[in-house]
């Protein structure tokens, strides 16, 4: 790590940037954090991520890597200690599958419940619950998706335990049902309370206030 330059372009309320912060923390990688203003994106962000123009972006020795799950894999392959992905090829493939399921199924449904109203909101909330229940089946009786320690899927999904609760409060929907998905509910608590991860999580009150403002903008635009 000596002599290497590691920089993370992020936004304090971005759960995808939080994924990268968690991975760097678990790997004990020192890095420079650059807070972005997403309403006035910096020339640095536009230069390093000209395709999507969004955070997070990891810049390692001047070379940018974009998209949070890709960044996690890059971190794991570059710094071999404290591995995030399983060593077994099949288990590694499974971890990638469930991380993809989170981004392709769970997150869009939760966001749809956050941005829609009426029947569309309830339909999205139902879909989100079904997807989260499916995710719970992959956890089984383990403490973490990574087994005894936090791993790739835990990093990919752990933030949902905080953000989904905020969506529930603002949008008045039920997403994480403690009765029907007790294992997942308990797992969210373990991830968010893990000391090495907890210190990276933004304050709930600040995130709630920010999300309320974001919700007003989104619902006003759709009405």
Foldseek 3Di string as FASTA:
>chain_A
DPPKAKEWEAALLDLLSLLLVLLCLLLVHDYHYDHADLVDGDPVLCVQCVPPSHDTWMAIRNHIDHDRLRSSVVSCVVRVPSHFADPDPVSNVVLVVLLVLCVPFQVVLLVQLLQDDDPSNQVSLVSNQVSVLVSLVCCPQALENVGPDHHSNCSSPLCCLQVSVLSCVQSVGDRDDCVSRVSSNVSSVCSCPPVSSVVSHDDSVVSSVVSNVVSVVSNVVVD
